C-alpha atoms as a PDB file:
ATOM      1  CA  ARG A   1      -8.903  -5.578  -3.678  1.00  0.00           C
ATOM      2  CA  LEU A   2      -7.661  -6.363  -7.142  1.00  0.00           C
ATOM      3  CA  ALA A   3      -6.454  -9.737  -5.912  1.00  0.00           C
ATOM      4  CA  GLU A   4      -9.889 -10.510  -4.420  1.00  0.00           C
ATOM      5  CA  LEU A   5     -11.652  -9.554  -7.703  1.00  0.00           C
ATOM      6  CA  LEU A   6      -9.327 -11.823  -9.661  1.00  0.00           C
ATOM      7  CA  SER A   7      -9.695 -14.647  -7.183  1.00  0.00           C
ATOM      8  CA  ARG A   8     -13.458 -14.524  -7.356  1.00  0.00           C
ATOM      9  CA  GLN A   9     -13.324 -14.418 -11.273  1.00  0.00           C
ATOM     10  CA  GLN A  10     -10.767 -17.215 -11.393  1.00  0.00           C
ATOM     11  CA  GLN A  11     -12.777 -19.624  -9.277  1.00  0.00           C
ATOM     12  CA  TYR A  12     -15.322 -19.936 -12.066  1.00  0.00           C
ATOM     13  CA  GLN A  13     -12.811 -19.871 -15.004  1.00  0.00           C
ATOM     14  CA  TYR A  14      -9.950 -22.239 -14.435  1.00  0.00           C
ATOM     15  CA  PRO A  15      -8.941 -23.232 -17.955  1.00  0.00           C
ATOM     16  CA  PRO A  16     -10.288 -26.618 -18.630  1.00  0.00           C
ATOM     17  CA  LEU A  17      -7.321 -27.927 -20.468  1.00  0.00           C
ATOM     18  CA  ALA A  18      -5.069 -26.820 -17.661  1.00  0.00           C
ATOM     19  CA  ALA A  19      -7.288 -28.541 -15.142  1.00  0.00           C
ATOM     20  CA  GLN A  20      -7.416 -31.741 -17.078  1.00  0.00           C
ATOM     21  CA  ARG A  21      -3.599 -31.750 -17.366  1.00  0.00           C
ATOM     22  CA  GLY A  22      -3.098 -30.789 -13.703  1.00  0.00           C
ATOM     23  CA  TRP A  23      -1.284 -27.524 -14.549  1.00  0.00           C
ATOM     24  CA  GLN A  24      -0.795 -25.157 -11.530  1.00  0.00           C
ATOM     25  CA  GLY A  25       1.340 -22.249 -10.902  1.00  0.00           C
ATOM     26  CA  GLU A  26       1.508 -18.575 -10.101  1.00  0.00           C
ATOM     27  CA  VAL A  27       1.491 -15.704 -12.605  1.00  0.00           C
ATOM     28  CA  ARG A  28       2.645 -12.328 -11.520  1.00  0.00           C
ATOM     29  CA  LEU A  29       1.302  -9.338 -13.420  1.00  0.00           C
ATOM     30  CA  ARG A  30       2.196  -5.546 -13.134  1.00  0.00           C
ATOM     31  CA  VAL A  31      -1.164  -3.617 -13.670  1.00  0.00           C
ATOM     32  CA  SER A  32      -0.988   0.059 -14.226  1.00  0.00           C
ATOM     33  CA  VAL A  33      -4.191   1.817 -13.042  1.00  0.00           C
ATOM     34  CA  ALA A  34      -5.201   5.443 -13.755  1.00  0.00           C
ATOM     35  CA  ARG A  35      -6.501   7.734 -11.104  1.00  0.00           C
ATOM     36  CA  LYS A  36     -10.259   6.794 -11.717  1.00  0.00           C
ATOM     37  CA  GLY A  37      -9.606   3.055 -11.921  1.00  0.00           C
ATOM     38  CA  ALA A  38      -9.087   2.537 -15.614  1.00  0.00           C
ATOM     39  CA  ILE A  39      -6.590  -0.183 -16.406  1.00  0.00           C
ATOM     40  CA  VAL A  40      -3.863   1.492 -18.537  1.00  0.00           C
ATOM     41  CA  ALA A  41      -1.458  -1.406 -19.099  1.00  0.00           C
ATOM     42  CA  VAL A  42      -0.735  -5.073 -17.994  1.00  0.00           C
ATOM     43  CA  GLN A  43       2.630  -6.635 -18.140  1.00  0.00           C
ATOM     44  CA  LEU A  44       3.600 -10.252 -17.410  1.00  0.00           C
ATOM     45  CA  LEU A  45       6.394 -10.155 -14.737  1.00  0.00           C
ATOM     46  CA  ARG A  46       6.595 -13.880 -13.891  1.00  0.00           C
ATOM     47  CA  SER A  47       5.382 -16.801 -15.821  1.00  0.00           C
ATOM     48  CA  SER A  48       3.634 -19.745 -14.163  1.00  0.00           C
ATOM     49  CA  GLY A  49       5.641 -22.018 -16.626  1.00  0.00           C
ATOM     50  CA  PHE A  50       2.473 -22.647 -18.691  1.00  0.00           C
ATOM     51  CA  ASP A  51       1.622 -20.333 -21.510  1.00  0.00           C
ATOM     52  CA  LEU A  52      -2.056 -21.178 -21.249  1.00  0.00           C
ATOM     53  CA  LEU A  53      -2.184 -20.051 -17.625  1.00  0.00           C
ATOM     54  CA  ASP A  54      -0.145 -16.874 -18.432  1.00  0.00           C
ATOM     55  CA  ARG A  55      -2.502 -15.892 -21.174  1.00  0.00           C
ATOM     56  CA  HIS A  56      -5.486 -16.650 -19.017  1.00  0.00           C
ATOM     57  CA  ALA A  57      -4.308 -14.464 -16.332  1.00  0.00           C
ATOM     58  CA  LEU A  58      -3.741 -11.591 -18.740  1.00  0.00           C
ATOM     59  CA  ALA A  59      -6.997 -12.047 -20.333  1.00  0.00           C
ATOM     60  CA  MET A  60      -8.854 -11.985 -16.921  1.00  0.00           C
ATOM     61  CA  ILE A  61      -7.270  -8.446 -16.209  1.00  0.00           C
ATOM     62  CA  GLU A  62      -8.222  -7.233 -19.629  1.00  0.00           C
ATOM     63  CA  GLN A  63     -11.835  -8.331 -19.118  1.00  0.00           C
ATOM     64  CA  LEU A  64     -12.063  -6.217 -15.978  1.00  0.00           C
ATOM     65  CA  ARG A  65     -11.143  -2.945 -17.927  1.00  0.00           C
ATOM     66  CA  GLN A  66     -12.160  -0.904 -14.804  1.00  0.00           C
ATOM     67  CA  LEU A  67     -11.082  -1.314 -11.267  1.00  0.00           C
ATOM     68  CA  PRO A  68     -11.987   0.458  -8.053  1.00  0.00           C
ATOM     69  CA  ALA A  69     -10.092   3.769  -7.999  1.00  0.00           C
ATOM     70  CA  PRO A  70      -6.794   3.776  -6.009  1.00  0.00           C
ATOM     71  CA  PRO A  71      -7.006   5.318  -2.535  1.00  0.00           C
ATOM     72  CA  ALA A  72      -7.058   9.107  -2.478  1.00  0.00           C
ATOM     73  CA  GLU A  73      -3.883   9.165  -0.442  1.00  0.00           C
ATOM     74  CA  LEU A  74      -1.934   7.978  -3.448  1.00  0.00           C
ATOM     75  CA  ASP A  75      -1.391  11.315  -5.195  1.00  0.00           C
ATOM     76  CA  ALA A  76      -0.371   9.921  -8.640  1.00  0.00           C
ATOM     77  CA  ALA A  77      -1.844  10.003 -12.047  1.00  0.00           C
ATOM     78  CA  GLU A  78      -1.135   6.265 -12.419  1.00  0.00           C
ATOM     79  CA  VAL A  79      -0.495   3.515  -9.838  1.00  0.00           C
ATOM     80  CA  GLN A  80       1.286   0.260 -10.593  1.00  0.00           C
ATOM     81  CA  VAL A  81       0.337  -2.763  -8.673  1.00  0.00           C
ATOM     82  CA  VAL A  82       1.976  -6.211  -8.767  1.00  0.00           C
ATOM     83  CA  VAL A  83      -0.705  -8.888  -8.654  1.00  0.00           C
ATOM     84  CA  PRO A  84      -0.135 -12.610  -8.046  1.00  0.00           C
ATOM     85  CA  VAL A  85      -2.661 -14.912  -9.834  1.00  0.00           C
ATOM     86  CA  HIS A  86      -2.570 -18.377  -8.296  1.00  0.00           C
ATOM     87  CA  TYR A  87      -3.745 -21.375 -10.155  1.00  0.00           C
ATOM     88  CA  LYS A  88      -4.260 -24.159  -7.634  1.00  0.00           C
ATOM     89  CA  LEU A  89      -6.547 -27.182  -8.370  1.00  0.00           C
ATOM     90  CA  ARG A  90      -8.751 -28.184  -5.555  1.00  0.00           C
ATOM     91  CA  THR A  91      -8.553 -31.771  -4.473  1.00  0.00           C
ATOM     92  CA  PRO A  92     -11.857 -33.513  -3.848  1.00  0.00           C
ATOM     93  CA  ALA A  93     -12.639 -33.990  -0.142  1.00  0.00           C
END
């Protein structure tokens, strides 16, 4: 679900400078989520190779602040999820 939320948000917020320069890549983030869905921490696991894209991915997560609560079957106070954020420019049809 988190990947879907980010994907929707990212469609409208591709960094303009990155788009102009043709920068693409994948950022991997580790997101710690509390039992009720609050984001506790975000850590960059793998860079896209572009600082701008990395910072953008981190900022998107921070803007969310609250996520859907983890499934009840996960009986932990905090859940860590690795989230890939893909930056891929669409080519005109």
